Amino acid sequence: MTSKQSRFLIDTYFAAFNAGDSQKMESLVAEDLVHDVNQGERRVGKDKFWSFNVHMSRCYKERLSEIVLLVTEDGTRAAAEFIVNGTYIDTDNGLPEAHGQTYKLPAGSFFEIRDGHIARITTYYNLQNWIDQVKDGTGEQVAEEA
């Protein structure tokens, strides 16, 4: 794929995410997708990506903003930084109790693109910052102490 085609692929993925369209997101990933999530185990395969999306949709309602996307010239890799604007709607295992807390969290993702599909997604964010936000219920980024 060209850089332009890869940019369109990732833009389409983020638009589907923001629309809550898991089916569209899944149509954009490879059957053997490698999905590395923050603070979690590697998931391999489209079926595990589907399971992850079902779980996330149950626990969180999220929308990404301020997306900045960089794509390599050859179109095989991409990176994005963004703000996750979310609501914690159902308690996730091992995390604080959910009661509709909002949060705003900087995050980033890295992508590998192969044969017209997303072959790898790796996402990072500061989990402690998220925990602090939902514990105090402010929905504001918690500043790190110097």
C-alpha atoms as a PDB file:
ATOM      1  CA  MET A   1       0.000   0.000   0.000  1.00  0.00           C
ATOM      2  CA  THR A   2       1.081   3.545  -0.550  1.00  0.00           C
ATOM      3  CA  SER A   3       1.474   5.960   2.330  1.00  0.00           C
ATOM      4  CA  LYS A   4      -1.754   7.668   1.248  1.00  0.00           C
ATOM      5  CA  GLN A   5      -3.671   4.351   1.213  1.00  0.00           C
ATOM      6  CA  SER A   6      -2.311   3.430   4.643  1.00  0.00           C
ATOM      7  CA  ARG A   7      -3.301   6.828   6.011  1.00  0.00           C
ATOM      8  CA  PHE A   8      -6.831   6.283   4.680  1.00  0.00           C
ATOM      9  CA  LEU A   9      -6.921   2.811   6.299  1.00  0.00           C
ATOM     10  CA  ILE A  10      -5.923   4.138   9.724  1.00  0.00           C
ATOM     11  CA  ASP A  11      -8.204   7.189   9.418  1.00  0.00           C
ATOM     12  CA  THR A  12     -11.060   4.791   8.599  1.00  0.00           C
ATOM     13  CA  TYR A  13     -10.155   2.651  11.640  1.00  0.00           C
ATOM     14  CA  PHE A  14     -10.253   5.685  13.959  1.00  0.00           C
ATOM     15  CA  ALA A  15     -13.536   6.896  12.441  1.00  0.00           C
ATOM     16  CA  ALA A  16     -15.044   3.448  13.057  1.00  0.00           C
ATOM     17  CA  PHE A  17     -13.726   3.520  16.647  1.00  0.00           C
ATOM     18  CA  ASN A  18     -15.337   6.906  17.247  1.00  0.00           C
ATOM     19  CA  ALA A  19     -18.611   5.680  15.730  1.00  0.00           C
ATOM     20  CA  GLY A  20     -18.587   2.610  17.986  1.00  0.00           C
ATOM     21  CA  ASP A  21     -18.566   0.446  14.849  1.00  0.00           C
ATOM     22  CA  SER A  22     -16.618  -2.632  15.975  1.00  0.00           C
ATOM     23  CA  GLN A  23     -17.686  -4.559  12.881  1.00  0.00           C
ATOM     24  CA  LYS A  24     -16.055  -1.959  10.622  1.00  0.00           C
ATOM     25  CA  MET A  25     -12.900  -1.956  12.774  1.00  0.00           C
ATOM     26  CA  GLU A  26     -12.708  -5.741  12.534  1.00  0.00           C
ATOM     27  CA  SER A  27     -13.063  -5.595   8.748  1.00  0.00           C
ATOM     28  CA  LEU A  28      -9.881  -3.510   8.582  1.00  0.00           C
ATOM     29  CA  VAL A  29      -7.614  -5.912  10.475  1.00  0.00           C
ATOM     30  CA  ALA A  30      -5.782  -9.008   9.255  1.00  0.00           C
ATOM     31  CA  GLU A  31      -6.992 -12.485  10.259  1.00  0.00           C
ATOM     32  CA  ASP A  32      -3.691 -12.959  12.141  1.00  0.00           C
ATOM     33  CA  LEU A  33      -3.746  -9.513  13.772  1.00  0.00           C
ATOM     34  CA  VAL A  34      -1.255  -9.026  16.602  1.00  0.00           C
ATOM     35  CA  HIS A  35      -2.908  -6.808  19.218  1.00  0.00           C
ATOM     36  CA  ASP A  36      -0.761  -5.538  22.086  1.00  0.00           C
ATOM     37  CA  VAL A  37      -2.782  -3.666  24.666  1.00  0.00           C
ATOM     38  CA  ASN A  38      -1.463  -1.558  27.502  1.00  0.00           C
ATOM     39  CA  GLN A  39      -1.036  -3.578  30.704  1.00  0.00           C
ATOM     40  CA  GLY A  40      -2.336  -6.745  29.046  1.00  0.00           C
ATOM     41  CA  GLU A  41      -1.270  -9.806  27.186  1.00  0.00           C
ATOM     42  CA  ARG A  42      -0.675 -10.035  23.481  1.00  0.00           C
ATOM     43  CA  ARG A  43      -3.735 -11.202  21.573  1.00  0.00           C
ATOM     44  CA  VAL A  44      -3.252 -12.883  18.211  1.00  0.00           C
ATOM     45  CA  GLY A  45      -6.081 -13.303  15.730  1.00  0.00           C
ATOM     46  CA  LYS A  46      -9.150 -11.437  14.616  1.00  0.00           C
ATOM     47  CA  ASP A  47     -11.343 -13.515  16.952  1.00  0.00           C
ATOM     48  CA  LYS A  48      -9.426 -12.254  20.006  1.00  0.00           C
ATOM     49  CA  PHE A  49      -9.707  -8.691  18.697  1.00  0.00           C
ATOM     50  CA  TRP A  50     -13.482  -9.213  18.477  1.00  0.00           C
ATOM     51  CA  SER A  51     -13.590 -10.488  22.088  1.00  0.00           C
ATOM     52  CA  PHE A  52     -11.537  -7.506  23.246  1.00  0.00           C
ATOM     53  CA  ASN A  53     -13.930  -5.097  21.497  1.00  0.00           C
ATOM     54  CA  VAL A  54     -16.958  -6.752  23.105  1.00  0.00           C
ATOM     55  CA  HIS A  55     -15.354  -6.395  26.543  1.00  0.00           C
ATOM     56  CA  MET A  56     -14.298  -2.780  25.963  1.00  0.00           C
ATOM     57  CA  SER A  57     -17.753  -1.802  24.686  1.00  0.00           C
ATOM     58  CA  ARG A  58     -19.282  -3.248  27.850  1.00  0.00           C
ATOM     59  CA  CYS A  59     -16.970  -1.362  30.232  1.00  0.00           C
ATOM     60  CA  TYR A  60     -16.106   1.879  28.445  1.00  0.00           C
ATOM     61  CA  LYS A  61     -17.607   4.447  26.120  1.00  0.00           C
ATOM     62  CA  GLU A  62     -14.730   6.262  24.420  1.00  0.00           C
ATOM     63  CA  ARG A  63     -14.106   8.817  21.710  1.00  0.00           C
ATOM     64  CA  LEU A  64     -10.697   9.844  20.406  1.00  0.00           C
ATOM     65  CA  SER A  65      -9.823  13.464  19.702  1.00  0.00           C
ATOM     66  CA  GLU A  66      -6.769  15.480  18.706  1.00  0.00           C
ATOM     67  CA  ILE A  67      -5.523  12.567  16.566  1.00  0.00           C
ATOM     68  CA  VAL A  68      -2.111  13.137  15.001  1.00  0.00           C
ATOM     69  CA  LEU A  69      -1.196  10.391  12.519  1.00  0.00           C
ATOM     70  CA  LEU A  70       2.237   9.712  11.042  1.00  0.00           C
ATOM     71  CA  VAL A  71       2.722   7.173   8.248  1.00  0.00           C
ATOM     72  CA  THR A  72       6.007   5.910   6.815  1.00  0.00           C
ATOM     73  CA  GLU A  73       6.780   6.654   3.170  1.00  0.00           C
ATOM     74  CA  ASP A  74       6.410   2.991   2.231  1.00  0.00           C
ATOM     75  CA  GLY A  75       3.029   2.743   4.017  1.00  0.00           C
ATOM     76  CA  THR A  76       3.979  -0.272   6.173  1.00  0.00           C
ATOM     77  CA  ARG A  77       3.988   1.485   9.548  1.00  0.00           C
ATOM     78  CA  ALA A  78       2.004   4.214  11.233  1.00  0.00           C
ATOM     79  CA  ALA A  79       1.902   5.905  14.626  1.00  0.00           C
ATOM     80  CA  ALA A  80      -0.783   8.050  16.185  1.00  0.00           C
ATOM     81  CA  GLU A  81      -1.133  10.101  19.321  1.00  0.00           C
ATOM     82  CA  PHE A  82      -4.522  11.185  20.593  1.00  0.00           C
ATOM     83  CA  ILE A  83      -6.671  12.011  23.590  1.00  0.00           C
ATOM     84  CA  VAL A  84      -9.088   9.353  24.864  1.00  0.00           C
ATOM     85  CA  ASN A  85     -12.278  10.991  26.132  1.00  0.00           C
ATOM     86  CA  GLY A  86     -14.199   8.346  27.986  1.00  0.00           C
ATOM     87  CA  THR A  87     -16.838   7.247  30.423  1.00  0.00           C
ATOM     88  CA  TYR A  88     -16.298   4.232  32.652  1.00  0.00           C
ATOM     89  CA  ILE A  89     -19.676   2.469  32.480  1.00  0.00           C
ATOM     90  CA  ASP A  90     -19.170  -1.053  33.905  1.00  0.00           C
ATOM     91  CA  THR A  91     -16.518  -2.274  36.346  1.00  0.00           C
ATOM     92  CA  ASP A  92     -13.543  -3.960  34.671  1.00  0.00           C
ATOM     93  CA  ASN A  93     -11.763  -6.833  36.460  1.00  0.00           C
ATOM     94  CA  GLY A  94      -9.123  -5.652  38.921  1.00  0.00           C
ATOM     95  CA  LEU A  95      -9.903  -1.960  38.406  1.00  0.00           C
ATOM     96  CA  PRO A  96     -11.842   0.566  40.507  1.00  0.00           C
ATOM     97  CA  GLU A  97     -15.630   0.320  40.593  1.00  0.00           C
ATOM     98  CA  ALA A  98     -17.414   2.017  37.702  1.00  0.00           C
ATOM     99  CA  HIS A  99     -20.180   4.517  38.284  1.00  0.00           C
ATOM    100  CA  GLY A 100     -20.119   6.666  35.172  1.00  0.00           C
ATOM    101  CA  GLN A 101     -16.822   8.463  35.851  1.00  0.00           C
ATOM    102  CA  THR A 102     -15.374  10.414  32.946  1.00  0.00           C
ATOM    103  CA  TYR A 103     -11.716  10.599  32.009  1.00  0.00           C
ATOM    104  CA  LYS A 104      -9.440  12.318  29.554  1.00  0.00           C
ATOM    105  CA  LEU A 105      -6.208  10.498  28.823  1.00  0.00           C
ATOM    106  CA  PRO A 106      -3.334  10.968  26.367  1.00  0.00           C
ATOM    107  CA  ALA A 107      -2.495   7.774  24.480  1.00  0.00           C
ATOM    108  CA  GLY A 108      -0.706   6.468  21.426  1.00  0.00           C
ATOM    109  CA  SER A 109      -0.883   3.548  19.019  1.00  0.00           C
ATOM    110  CA  PHE A 110       1.540   1.963  16.598  1.00  0.00           C
ATOM    111  CA  PHE A 111       0.392   0.065  13.522  1.00  0.00           C
ATOM    112  CA  GLU A 112       1.880  -2.403  11.056  1.00  0.00           C
ATOM    113  CA  ILE A 113       0.118  -2.561   7.704  1.00  0.00           C
ATOM    114  CA  ARG A 114       0.281  -5.584   5.421  1.00  0.00           C
ATOM    115  CA  ASP A 115      -1.705  -6.589   2.328  1.00  0.00           C
ATOM    116  CA  GLY A 116      -4.250  -3.814   2.756  1.00  0.00           C
ATOM    117  CA  HIS A 117      -5.039  -4.609   6.388  1.00  0.00           C
ATOM    118  CA  ILE A 118      -3.836  -3.613   9.824  1.00  0.00           C
ATOM    119  CA  ALA A 119      -1.561  -6.476  10.910  1.00  0.00           C
ATOM    120  CA  ARG A 120      -0.476  -5.132  14.317  1.00  0.00           C
ATOM    121  CA  ILE A 121      -1.873  -2.623  16.800  1.00  0.00           C
ATOM    122  CA  THR A 122       0.113  -1.648  19.895  1.00  0.00           C
ATOM    123  CA  THR A 123      -1.466   0.878  22.257  1.00  0.00           C
ATOM    124  CA  TYR A 124       0.041   2.723  25.226  1.00  0.00           C
ATOM    125  CA  TYR A 125      -1.334   5.057  27.895  1.00  0.00           C
ATOM    126  CA  ASN A 126      -0.645   5.841  31.547  1.00  0.00           C
ATOM    127  CA  LEU A 127      -2.840   3.381  33.454  1.00  0.00           C
ATOM    128  CA  GLN A 128      -2.096   5.016  36.832  1.00  0.00           C
ATOM    129  CA  ASN A 129      -3.285   8.355  35.465  1.00  0.00           C
ATOM    130  CA  TRP A 130      -6.545   6.702  34.360  1.00  0.00           C
ATOM    131  CA  ILE A 131      -6.982   5.019  37.774  1.00  0.00           C
ATOM    132  CA  ASP A 132      -6.378   8.328  39.557  1.00  0.00           C
ATOM    133  CA  GLN A 133      -8.993  10.037  37.384  1.00  0.00           C
ATOM    134  CA  VAL A 134     -11.711   7.440  37.931  1.00  0.00           C
ATOM    135  CA  LYS A 135     -10.943   7.166  41.657  1.00  0.00           C
ATOM    136  CA  ASP A 136     -11.340  10.902  42.247  1.00  0.00           C
ATOM    137  CA  GLY A 137     -14.052  11.288  39.605  1.00  0.00           C
ATOM    138  CA  THR A 138     -12.659  14.524  38.175  1.00  0.00           C
ATOM    139  CA  GLY A 139     -12.212  13.414  34.575  1.00  0.00           C
ATOM    140  CA  GLU A 140      -9.122  15.595  34.441  1.00  0.00           C
ATOM    141  CA  GLN A 141      -5.619  14.507  33.631  1.00  0.00           C
ATOM    142  CA  VAL A 142      -3.671  14.076  36.827  1.00  0.00           C
ATOM    143  CA  ALA A 143      -0.387  15.970  36.710  1.00  0.00           C
ATOM    144  CA  GLU A 144       2.721  13.975  37.485  1.00  0.00           C
ATOM    145  CA  GLU A 145       4.716  15.214  40.436  1.00  0.00           C
ATOM    146  CA  ALA A 146       8.206  16.415  39.545  1.00  0.00           C
END
